Protein backbone atom coordinates (compact mmCIF):
# COMPACT_ATOMS: atom_id res chain seq x y z
CA UNK A 1 310.55 123.13 -39.32
CA UNK A 2 308.86 123.67 -42.67
CA UNK A 3 305.08 123.31 -42.87
CA UNK A 4 303.81 122.22 -46.28
CA UNK A 5 300.35 123.39 -47.19
CA UNK A 6 298.31 121.90 -50.06
CA UNK A 7 295.89 124.35 -51.68
CA UNK A 8 292.87 122.51 -53.19
CA UNK A 9 291.58 124.74 -55.98
CA UNK A 10 287.84 124.07 -56.44
CA UNK A 11 287.08 126.82 -59.02
CA UNK A 12 288.53 129.12 -61.68
CA UNK A 13 288.29 132.88 -61.12
CA UNK A 14 286.59 134.79 -63.93
CA UNK A 15 289.33 135.44 -66.51
CA UNK A 16 289.12 139.23 -66.41
CA UNK A 17 289.41 139.18 -62.61
CA UNK A 18 292.10 136.47 -62.54
CA UNK A 19 294.36 138.75 -64.56
CA UNK A 20 294.26 141.28 -61.73
CA UNK A 21 293.75 139.22 -58.57
CA UNK A 22 294.98 135.75 -59.46
CA UNK A 23 293.34 132.41 -58.79
CA UNK A 24 291.91 131.48 -55.38
CA UNK A 25 295.04 129.57 -54.29
CA UNK A 26 297.10 132.68 -54.95
CA UNK A 27 294.76 134.81 -52.88
CA UNK A 28 294.90 132.28 -50.01
CA UNK A 29 298.69 132.02 -50.26
CA UNK A 30 299.15 135.81 -50.24
CA UNK A 31 296.83 136.15 -47.19
CA UNK A 32 298.66 133.45 -45.15
CA UNK A 33 302.14 134.64 -46.10
CA UNK A 34 301.27 138.20 -45.11
CA UNK A 35 299.89 137.03 -41.74
CA UNK A 36 302.93 134.85 -41.23
CA UNK A 37 305.38 137.69 -42.00
CA UNK A 38 303.59 139.89 -39.48
CA UNK A 39 304.61 137.37 -36.79
CA UNK A 40 308.23 138.52 -37.07
CA UNK A 41 310.57 136.22 -35.16
CA UNK A 42 307.69 133.80 -34.49
CA UNK A 43 307.01 133.29 -38.20
CA UNK A 44 306.70 129.70 -39.50
CA UNK A 45 308.54 128.40 -42.59
CA UNK A 46 305.77 127.71 -45.10
CA UNK A 47 305.68 126.00 -48.44
CA UNK A 48 302.69 125.70 -50.74
CA UNK A 49 301.54 123.25 -53.42
CA UNK A 50 298.41 123.71 -55.52
CA UNK A 51 296.10 120.90 -56.71
CA UNK A 52 293.29 121.76 -59.16
CA UNK A 53 290.67 119.39 -57.66
CA UNK A 54 288.06 120.90 -60.01
CA UNK A 55 290.15 119.12 -62.71
CA UNK A 56 290.57 116.02 -60.50
CA UNK A 57 294.24 116.76 -59.79
CA UNK A 58 295.39 115.40 -56.42
CA UNK A 59 298.64 114.69 -54.62
CA UNK A 60 300.20 111.28 -55.40
CA UNK A 61 300.47 110.75 -51.67
CA UNK A 62 298.20 112.39 -49.07
CA UNK A 63 301.36 113.06 -46.96
CA UNK A 64 303.04 115.19 -49.62
CA UNK A 65 301.88 118.10 -47.46
CA UNK A 66 301.09 118.56 -43.80
CA UNK A 67 297.81 120.43 -44.15
CA UNK A 68 295.19 121.23 -46.75
CA UNK A 69 293.08 124.32 -47.46
CA UNK A 70 289.96 123.84 -49.68
CA UNK A 71 289.01 126.97 -51.62
CA UNK A 72 285.65 128.47 -52.42
CA UNK A 73 283.71 127.70 -55.63
CA UNK A 74 280.65 128.86 -57.51
CA UNK A 75 279.67 125.18 -57.71
CA UNK A 76 277.34 123.60 -55.16
CA UNK A 77 278.51 120.58 -53.18
CA UNK A 78 275.44 118.69 -54.18
CA UNK A 79 275.96 119.23 -57.94
CA UNK A 80 276.24 115.78 -59.72
CA UNK A 81 279.71 116.42 -61.02
CA UNK A 82 282.38 113.64 -60.87
CA UNK A 83 285.03 116.04 -59.50
CA UNK A 84 282.73 117.04 -56.63
CA UNK A 85 282.08 113.41 -55.71
CA UNK A 86 285.85 112.68 -55.85
CA UNK A 87 286.45 115.63 -53.56
CA UNK A 88 283.79 114.32 -51.16
CA UNK A 89 285.73 111.06 -51.03
CA UNK A 90 289.07 112.84 -50.50
CA UNK A 91 287.60 114.81 -47.60
CA UNK A 92 286.49 111.53 -45.98
CA UNK A 93 290.05 110.29 -46.29
CA UNK A 94 291.50 113.45 -44.77
CA UNK A 95 289.12 113.16 -41.89
CA UNK A 96 289.86 109.45 -41.34
CA UNK A 97 293.61 110.17 -41.42
CA UNK A 98 293.07 113.21 -39.22
CA UNK A 99 295.02 115.46 -41.57
CA UNK A 100 294.82 119.12 -40.73
CA UNK A 101 292.18 120.58 -43.12
CA UNK A 102 290.80 124.12 -43.49
CA UNK A 103 287.66 124.81 -45.53
CA UNK A 104 286.67 128.16 -46.99
CA UNK A 105 283.08 128.71 -48.21
CA UNK A 106 282.56 125.83 -50.61
CA UNK A 107 285.31 124.07 -48.63
CA UNK A 108 283.39 124.64 -45.44
CA UNK A 109 280.26 123.24 -47.09
CA UNK A 110 281.86 120.13 -48.72
CA UNK A 111 283.50 119.07 -45.48
CA UNK A 112 280.15 119.19 -43.72
CA UNK A 113 278.47 117.36 -46.60
CA UNK A 114 281.17 114.65 -46.86
CA UNK A 115 281.19 113.89 -43.17
CA UNK A 116 277.42 113.47 -42.66
CA UNK A 117 276.08 116.96 -42.45
CA UNK A 118 273.92 118.82 -44.98
CA UNK A 119 274.40 121.84 -47.28
CA UNK A 120 271.53 123.43 -49.18
CA UNK A 121 270.24 126.72 -50.61
CA UNK A 122 269.90 129.20 -47.77
CA UNK A 123 266.33 130.10 -46.94
CA UNK A 124 267.53 133.66 -46.23
CA UNK A 125 268.90 133.96 -49.78
CA UNK A 126 272.30 135.44 -50.65
CA UNK A 127 274.84 136.16 -47.95
CA UNK A 128 276.90 139.00 -49.46
CA UNK A 129 279.28 141.67 -48.29
CA UNK A 130 281.08 142.31 -45.02
CA UNK A 131 279.15 140.70 -42.21
CA UNK A 132 279.76 140.63 -38.48
CA UNK A 133 280.55 137.03 -37.47
CA UNK A 134 279.73 136.43 -33.85
CA UNK A 135 282.00 134.09 -31.96
CA UNK A 136 280.51 131.95 -29.24
CA UNK A 137 281.88 130.53 -25.97
CA UNK A 138 283.31 127.48 -27.78
CA UNK A 139 285.41 129.75 -29.93
CA UNK A 140 286.74 131.53 -26.85
CA UNK A 141 287.59 128.17 -25.26
CA UNK A 142 289.50 127.31 -28.46
CA UNK A 143 291.60 130.48 -27.98
CA UNK A 144 289.95 132.56 -30.75
CA UNK A 145 289.91 136.13 -29.55
CA UNK A 146 287.17 138.69 -29.78
CA UNK A 147 283.39 138.64 -29.59
CA UNK A 148 282.85 139.41 -33.27
CA UNK A 149 284.92 139.66 -36.44
CA UNK A 150 283.97 141.04 -39.86
CA UNK A 151 284.39 138.75 -42.79
CA UNK A 152 283.53 139.08 -46.53
CA UNK A 153 280.84 136.70 -47.70
CA UNK A 154 279.62 135.47 -51.06
CA UNK A 155 277.31 132.46 -50.81
CA UNK A 156 273.85 131.24 -51.71
CA UNK A 157 274.32 127.80 -50.16
CA UNK A 158 275.10 127.18 -46.51
CA UNK A 159 275.53 124.39 -44.02
CA UNK A 160 272.16 123.68 -42.46
CA UNK A 161 273.20 120.51 -40.56
CA UNK A 162 276.77 120.32 -39.27
CA UNK A 163 278.57 117.02 -39.57
CA UNK A 164 278.42 114.76 -36.45
CA UNK A 165 281.16 115.74 -34.00
CA UNK A 166 281.28 119.38 -35.17
CA UNK A 167 281.73 122.24 -32.73
CA UNK A 168 279.97 125.43 -33.75
CA UNK A 169 282.20 128.42 -33.29
CA UNK A 170 280.50 131.36 -34.98
CA UNK A 171 277.35 132.60 -36.75
CA UNK A 172 276.14 135.57 -38.80
CA UNK A 173 272.69 137.18 -38.94
CA UNK A 174 271.57 134.81 -41.75
CA UNK A 175 274.03 131.94 -41.43
CA UNK A 176 273.85 130.08 -38.12
CA UNK A 177 276.69 127.69 -39.10
CA UNK A 178 279.37 130.21 -40.14
CA UNK A 179 282.43 128.54 -38.54
CA UNK A 180 283.04 125.07 -37.19
CA UNK A 181 285.77 122.79 -35.99
CA UNK A 182 285.90 119.00 -35.88
CA UNK A 183 288.31 117.50 -33.37
CA UNK A 184 291.79 118.96 -33.59
CA UNK A 185 292.11 118.55 -37.33
CA UNK A 186 289.35 120.46 -39.14
CA UNK A 187 288.57 124.18 -39.15
CA UNK A 188 286.14 125.76 -41.55
CA UNK A 189 284.66 129.16 -42.46
CA UNK A 190 281.68 130.16 -44.53
CA UNK A 191 283.28 133.58 -45.10
CA UNK A 192 286.15 134.47 -47.37
CA UNK A 193 289.19 135.75 -45.41
CA UNK A 194 291.24 135.63 -48.62
CA UNK A 195 289.00 138.22 -50.42
CA UNK A 196 290.25 141.76 -50.58
CA UNK A 197 287.75 144.64 -50.67
CA UNK A 198 288.76 145.41 -54.22
CA UNK A 199 288.24 141.78 -55.40
CA UNK A 200 284.85 141.59 -53.65
CA UNK A 201 283.72 144.83 -55.24
CA UNK A 202 284.76 143.59 -58.70
CA UNK A 203 283.15 140.17 -58.10
CA UNK A 204 279.85 141.63 -56.85
CA UNK A 205 279.79 144.04 -59.77
CA UNK A 206 280.36 141.22 -62.24
CA UNK A 207 277.56 139.18 -60.76
CA UNK A 208 275.15 142.03 -60.07
CA UNK A 209 272.35 140.59 -62.17
CA UNK A 210 272.34 137.43 -59.90
CA UNK A 211 271.42 139.42 -56.79
CA UNK A 212 268.31 141.10 -55.58
CA UNK A 213 268.96 144.86 -55.88
CA UNK A 214 268.72 145.58 -52.17
CA UNK A 215 271.13 142.75 -51.31
CA UNK A 216 273.57 144.05 -53.91
CA UNK A 217 273.38 147.66 -52.69
CA UNK A 218 273.76 146.65 -49.02
CA UNK A 219 276.79 144.52 -49.94
CA UNK A 220 278.48 147.33 -51.81
CA UNK A 221 277.83 149.72 -48.91
CA UNK A 222 279.22 147.20 -46.43
CA UNK A 223 282.60 147.35 -48.24
CA UNK A 224 283.22 150.56 -46.28
CA UNK A 225 283.65 148.38 -43.20
CA UNK A 226 286.93 146.89 -42.10
CA UNK A 227 287.27 143.14 -42.42
CA UNK A 228 289.46 140.84 -40.40
CA UNK A 229 290.84 138.32 -42.86
CA UNK A 230 294.40 138.81 -41.54
CA UNK A 231 293.23 137.77 -38.08
CA UNK A 232 291.57 134.63 -39.48
CA UNK A 233 294.78 133.85 -41.39
CA UNK A 234 296.67 133.97 -38.15
CA UNK A 235 294.21 131.54 -36.63
CA UNK A 236 294.75 129.23 -39.64
CA UNK A 237 298.54 129.35 -39.12
CA UNK A 238 298.12 128.54 -35.43
CA UNK A 239 295.79 125.69 -36.35
CA UNK A 240 297.99 124.00 -38.95
CA UNK A 241 301.17 124.47 -36.94
CA UNK A 242 299.74 123.03 -33.68
C-alpha cells in the first residue's frame, strides 16, 4: 500500500541557504525517506505532495493524501496574517476529520492554537541548539523508546497551554510542552528533526544578531552533540502508517 503524505510549507528558507539545503518540505522528505529506507524489507511505499500554505495553496480535496506534516516557520501563529488564519481553519478541519497530522515547531504551535490551546513568546527566551528532550511515562506507553532524545531547536514562541485532549509526551529544560499527541491522529514536536547540524549552524550564524550572545555560543557548542532526528522520523512513519 502506498502512503501519500502532504507537506504543508509554512515558510521560505533564506535564499542563500535554500540553494544548499532546499526548502523545508525537501528537508522533511529527505529525513523521512532516509528513515524509511533504513527499515529494509519493512519499508513503506511513500509518496509526497507539497502545498505552500504560506501562499494559501491547499489540496483541492483533503483526501488527496493520507497524512499531513506542517513545517516550521519564522512567523508566529498569532500574527494577523490571512494565510495563518486560513491554516488555523484547515487544522480544525484536519482534527474534525481525524486526518493523521504531524506538526513541527510552528506546526506544533499552530495545532495547539487552532484546537483551543495557547502559543506565546517563551518567558525563558530563545530555545536554540541541540537539547535533551525528556520523554515521560505517557510516551513510553505510546511505544516511544528511550528516556531522552536530542533534538535541534530554533524557537522563541512555545505552547504554554496544550489544546484540550492533548497528551504531553516530552519536555526540555525550558519548554515544558515539547511534544504532544491528540487522540490517534495528531503528533507534534517543538524540535526540528529535519534539521541537519550543518543547516542549523548556517541558520544560527545567519541569525546571530537576533540572539543573546550566551544563547548563541551555547547553541553553537551544542552542535557537537548527536541528535536523533532519524529516530523521530521512524516514529512519524509508524504514526502515519498505523
